[in-house]
Amino acid sequence: MNCMAWVLYGVPWVTSDSTLVVTINGSGTIIELVYVGFFLFFCCDRRKRIRMLAVLAVELAFIAILSSLVLTEVHTHNQRSKMVGIICILFSIMMYAAPLSLMKLVIKSKSVEYMPFFLSLASLANGLCWSVYALLRLNLFILVPNGIGSFFGLVQLILYATYYKSTKDQTNVRRVKEDLSLSQVVVNEGVAECNNSLNMYESLECLLCTSSMAAISTQMASLYKYLVKS
């Protein structure tokens, strides 16, 4: 949704001289559609597929309605760029604010295990590049959301640097616990095997004793019959 909105903002009949905005966000739209296509192809849950298709249909319908309104009801480039630009700001802030819940989890758990470093770094780099571009073009619609995105990316990297060591400690403790659990399982299996072996040995010993008693009884019966005949 964010990329499609920026593509609409960058087309010549809305904002002039915004080729980079159109090409970059157009590429992002294509890549995201490919992601959605892979999800729909490999997802085995029918409900999730229907939900994803419904969300995609709503987004496409929203962009189509927005494009129609902008091109038919708004007649100047300035008004069109303002209208679409404000919507783009809202979507971009929502995109950059998405990791806030993840940052809260990092602070609460003191672990950056679920906050990838390179994703945070890419978020900061993306925000900074677009902020510089906006400053050069004096474009507040691009500067505001990407300035906020740069701030959020910087906060993520600060959190990563703060809790990186504690994450390694937690990971090492978890590995030790897993090793101990695995050792306990191996010991329990070994004890069970020993018990089974002892039970099998006792059963075999009992069987041998029973067989011996049966053989002795058979021999005594034969001897008794021989004595009776004599």
Protein backbone atom coordinates (compact mmCIF):
# COMPACT_ATOMS: atom_id res chain seq x y z
CA MET A 1 0.00 0.00 0.00
CA ASN A 2 2.78 2.44 0.92
CA CYS A 3 4.69 1.85 -2.34
CA MET A 4 1.55 2.10 -4.47
CA ALA A 5 0.62 5.39 -2.83
CA TRP A 6 4.10 6.80 -3.52
CA VAL A 7 3.89 5.63 -7.15
CA LEU A 8 0.68 7.62 -7.48
CA TYR A 9 2.37 10.62 -5.86
CA GLY A 10 5.29 10.46 -8.27
CA VAL A 11 3.45 10.12 -11.59
CA PRO A 12 3.82 13.24 -13.81
CA TRP A 13 0.16 14.28 -13.67
CA VAL A 14 0.32 14.46 -9.84
CA THR A 15 3.89 15.61 -9.09
CA SER A 16 6.33 16.69 -11.77
CA ASP A 17 10.00 15.62 -11.87
CA SER A 18 9.63 12.67 -9.48
CA THR A 19 11.09 9.89 -11.62
CA LEU A 20 13.08 8.36 -8.73
CA VAL A 21 9.98 8.20 -6.56
CA VAL A 22 8.07 6.34 -9.27
CA THR A 23 10.83 3.93 -10.28
CA ILE A 24 11.93 2.95 -6.76
CA ASN A 25 8.44 2.56 -5.33
CA GLY A 26 7.27 0.87 -8.52
CA SER A 27 10.03 -1.72 -8.05
CA GLY A 28 8.99 -2.09 -4.42
CA THR A 29 5.38 -2.68 -5.48
CA ILE A 30 6.43 -5.42 -7.91
CA ILE A 31 8.64 -7.13 -5.30
CA GLU A 32 5.86 -7.04 -2.70
CA LEU A 33 3.37 -8.47 -5.18
CA VAL A 34 5.82 -11.30 -5.83
CA TYR A 35 6.01 -11.93 -2.08
CA VAL A 36 2.21 -12.05 -1.90
CA GLY A 37 2.15 -14.42 -4.87
CA PHE A 38 4.59 -16.80 -3.17
CA PHE A 39 2.49 -16.68 0.01
CA LEU A 40 -0.71 -17.48 -1.87
CA PHE A 41 1.00 -20.30 -3.79
CA PHE A 42 2.61 -22.03 -0.82
CA CYS A 43 0.08 -21.29 1.93
CA CYS A 44 -1.89 -24.40 2.87
CA ASP A 45 -4.41 -22.60 5.09
CA ARG A 46 -7.42 -21.68 2.94
CA ARG A 47 -8.65 -19.04 5.41
CA LYS A 48 -5.31 -17.21 5.37
CA ARG A 49 -5.27 -17.21 1.59
CA ILE A 50 -8.78 -15.78 1.41
CA ARG A 51 -7.89 -13.15 4.03
CA MET A 52 -4.77 -12.14 2.10
CA LEU A 53 -6.73 -11.89 -1.16
CA ALA A 54 -9.36 -9.76 0.57
CA VAL A 55 -6.72 -7.39 1.98
CA LEU A 56 -5.04 -7.13 -1.42
CA ALA A 57 -8.38 -6.40 -3.12
CA VAL A 58 -9.15 -3.66 -0.58
CA GLU A 59 -5.75 -2.04 -1.11
CA LEU A 60 -6.07 -2.11 -4.90
CA ALA A 61 -9.60 -0.72 -4.70
CA PHE A 62 -8.42 2.09 -2.40
CA ILE A 63 -5.61 3.10 -4.77
CA ALA A 64 -7.97 2.93 -7.77
CA ILE A 65 -10.57 5.13 -6.05
CA LEU A 66 -7.90 7.59 -4.86
CA SER A 67 -6.41 7.81 -8.35
CA SER A 68 -9.82 8.40 -9.88
CA LEU A 69 -10.69 11.13 -7.39
CA VAL A 70 -7.35 12.88 -7.74
CA LEU A 71 -7.37 12.88 -11.53
CA THR A 72 -11.02 13.85 -11.96
CA GLU A 73 -11.88 16.09 -9.02
CA VAL A 74 -8.55 17.87 -8.37
CA HIS A 75 -7.33 19.96 -11.28
CA THR A 76 -3.92 21.42 -10.33
CA HIS A 77 -0.57 19.75 -9.69
CA ASN A 78 -0.18 21.58 -6.40
CA GLN A 79 -3.51 20.37 -5.00
CA ARG A 80 -2.98 16.84 -6.29
CA SER A 81 0.49 16.55 -4.78
CA LYS A 82 -0.79 17.89 -1.44
CA MET A 83 -3.71 15.48 -1.32
CA VAL A 84 -1.71 12.40 -2.26
CA GLY A 85 1.34 13.57 -0.28
CA ILE A 86 -0.61 13.75 2.99
CA ILE A 87 -1.89 10.20 2.45
CA CYS A 88 1.64 9.04 1.65
CA ILE A 89 2.93 10.61 4.88
CA LEU A 90 0.34 8.67 6.90
CA PHE A 91 1.18 5.34 5.24
CA SER A 92 4.93 5.90 5.58
CA ILE A 93 4.66 6.77 9.28
CA MET A 94 2.57 3.63 9.82
CA MET A 95 5.24 1.57 8.03
CA TYR A 96 8.11 3.04 10.05
CA ALA A 97 6.14 2.80 13.30
CA ALA A 98 5.43 -0.92 12.80
CA PRO A 99 8.60 -2.01 14.73
CA LEU A 100 7.49 -0.08 17.87
CA SER A 101 5.92 -3.21 19.33
CA LEU A 102 9.15 -5.07 18.58
CA MET A 103 11.22 -2.37 20.30
CA LYS A 104 8.94 -2.68 23.34
CA LEU A 105 9.58 -6.43 23.38
CA VAL A 106 13.34 -5.81 23.17
CA ILE A 107 13.25 -3.45 26.15
CA LYS A 108 11.04 -5.81 28.15
CA SER A 109 13.03 -8.98 27.44
CA LYS A 110 16.44 -7.26 27.22
CA SER A 111 17.08 -9.31 24.10
CA VAL A 112 17.47 -8.37 20.42
CA GLU A 113 16.97 -11.93 19.26
CA TYR A 114 13.85 -11.03 17.28
CA MET A 115 15.11 -7.68 15.92
CA PRO A 116 17.45 -8.36 12.96
CA PHE A 117 20.45 -6.03 12.85
CA PHE A 118 20.61 -5.66 9.06
CA LEU A 119 16.90 -4.88 8.82
CA SER A 120 17.32 -2.08 11.36
CA LEU A 121 20.40 -0.83 9.52
CA ALA A 122 18.55 -0.89 6.19
CA SER A 123 15.65 1.03 7.74
CA LEU A 124 18.02 3.75 8.96
CA ALA A 125 19.87 3.93 5.62
CA ASN A 126 16.60 4.12 3.69
CA GLY A 127 15.27 6.91 5.88
CA LEU A 128 18.50 8.90 5.66
CA CYS A 129 18.75 8.60 1.86
CA TRP A 130 15.21 9.77 1.32
CA SER A 131 15.65 12.55 3.88
CA VAL A 132 18.69 13.86 2.02
CA TYR A 133 16.79 13.62 -1.27
CA ALA A 134 13.87 15.54 0.27
CA LEU A 135 16.17 18.26 1.59
CA LEU A 136 17.73 18.68 -1.84
CA ARG A 137 14.28 18.90 -3.44
CA LEU A 138 12.73 20.85 -0.50
CA ASN A 139 9.91 18.31 -0.36
CA LEU A 140 8.22 18.12 3.05
CA PHE A 141 6.00 15.21 2.01
CA ILE A 142 9.09 13.02 1.60
CA LEU A 143 11.13 14.59 4.41
CA VAL A 144 8.62 14.22 7.27
CA PRO A 145 7.97 10.45 7.13
CA ASN A 146 11.55 9.55 6.26
CA GLY A 147 12.92 11.80 8.99
CA ILE A 148 10.71 9.91 11.45
CA GLY A 149 11.85 6.63 9.88
CA SER A 150 15.49 7.63 10.34
CA PHE A 151 14.83 8.33 14.01
CA PHE A 152 13.13 4.95 14.53
CA GLY A 153 15.97 3.18 12.69
CA LEU A 154 18.54 4.93 14.89
CA VAL A 155 16.60 3.93 18.04
CA GLN A 156 16.58 0.30 16.88
CA LEU A 157 20.36 0.32 16.40
CA ILE A 158 20.85 1.92 19.84
CA LEU A 159 18.68 -0.81 21.38
CA TYR A 160 20.67 -3.43 19.48
CA ALA A 161 23.95 -2.07 20.81
CA THR A 162 22.51 -1.83 24.34
CA TYR A 163 21.11 -5.35 24.60
CA TYR A 164 23.45 -7.27 22.30
CA LYS A 165 25.63 -8.59 25.16
CA SER A 166 22.66 -9.61 27.31
CA THR A 167 21.21 -11.42 24.28
CA LYS A 168 24.40 -13.47 23.92
CA ASP A 169 24.29 -14.30 27.65
CA GLN A 170 20.66 -15.40 27.39
CA THR A 171 21.46 -17.49 24.33
CA ASN A 172 24.35 -19.21 26.11
CA VAL A 173 22.19 -19.93 29.16
CA ARG A 174 19.48 -21.38 26.91
CA ARG A 175 22.02 -23.59 25.15
CA VAL A 176 23.32 -24.88 28.49
CA LYS A 177 19.78 -25.69 29.58
CA GLU A 178 19.09 -27.45 26.30
CA ASP A 179 22.31 -29.47 26.66
CA LEU A 180 21.36 -30.41 30.23
CA SER A 181 17.88 -31.40 29.11
CA LEU A 182 19.33 -33.51 26.31
CA SER A 183 21.76 -35.14 28.75
CA GLN A 184 18.89 -35.90 31.12
CA VAL A 185 16.93 -37.49 28.28
CA VAL A 186 19.95 -39.63 27.34
CA VAL A 187 20.43 -40.68 30.97
CA ASN A 188 16.76 -41.58 31.32
CA GLU A 189 16.86 -43.62 28.14
CA GLY A 190 20.00 -45.36 29.37
CA VAL A 191 18.35 -46.22 32.70
CA ALA A 192 15.29 -47.52 30.89
CA GLU A 193 17.45 -49.69 28.65
CA CYS A 194 19.29 -51.06 31.68
CA ASN A 195 16.00 -51.86 33.39
CA ASN A 196 14.76 -53.58 30.26
CA SER A 197 17.99 -55.54 30.04
CA LEU A 198 17.70 -56.61 33.68
CA ASN A 199 14.10 -57.62 33.18
CA MET A 200 15.04 -59.60 30.10
CA TYR A 201 17.91 -61.27 32.00
CA GLU A 202 15.63 -62.19 34.89
CA SER A 203 12.99 -63.52 32.51
CA LEU A 204 15.63 -65.57 30.69
CA GLU A 205 16.98 -66.92 33.98
CA CYS A 206 13.49 -67.89 35.08
CA LEU A 207 12.85 -69.57 31.75
CA LEU A 208 16.07 -71.53 32.05
CA CYS A 209 15.15 -72.64 35.58
CA THR A 210 11.69 -73.68 34.41
CA SER A 211 13.16 -75.62 31.50
CA SER A 212 15.60 -77.38 33.83
CA MET A 213 12.82 -78.36 36.23
CA ALA A 214 10.73 -79.68 33.34
CA ALA A 215 13.66 -81.76 32.06
CA ILE A 216 14.33 -83.23 35.54
CA SER A 217 10.62 -84.09 35.93
CA THR A 218 10.63 -85.86 32.56
CA GLN A 219 13.70 -87.93 33.50
CA MET A 220 12.23 -88.95 36.88
CA ALA A 221 8.99 -90.01 35.19
CA SER A 222 10.94 -92.19 32.74
CA LEU A 223 12.94 -93.75 35.61
CA TYR A 224 9.74 -94.51 37.54
CA LYS A 225 8.19 -96.24 34.53
CA TYR A 226 11.36 -98.34 34.10
CA LEU A 227 11.32 -99.41 37.75
CA VAL A 228 7.62 -100.34 37.57
CA LYS A 229 8.24 -102.54 34.53
CA SER A 230 11.15 -104.24 36.24
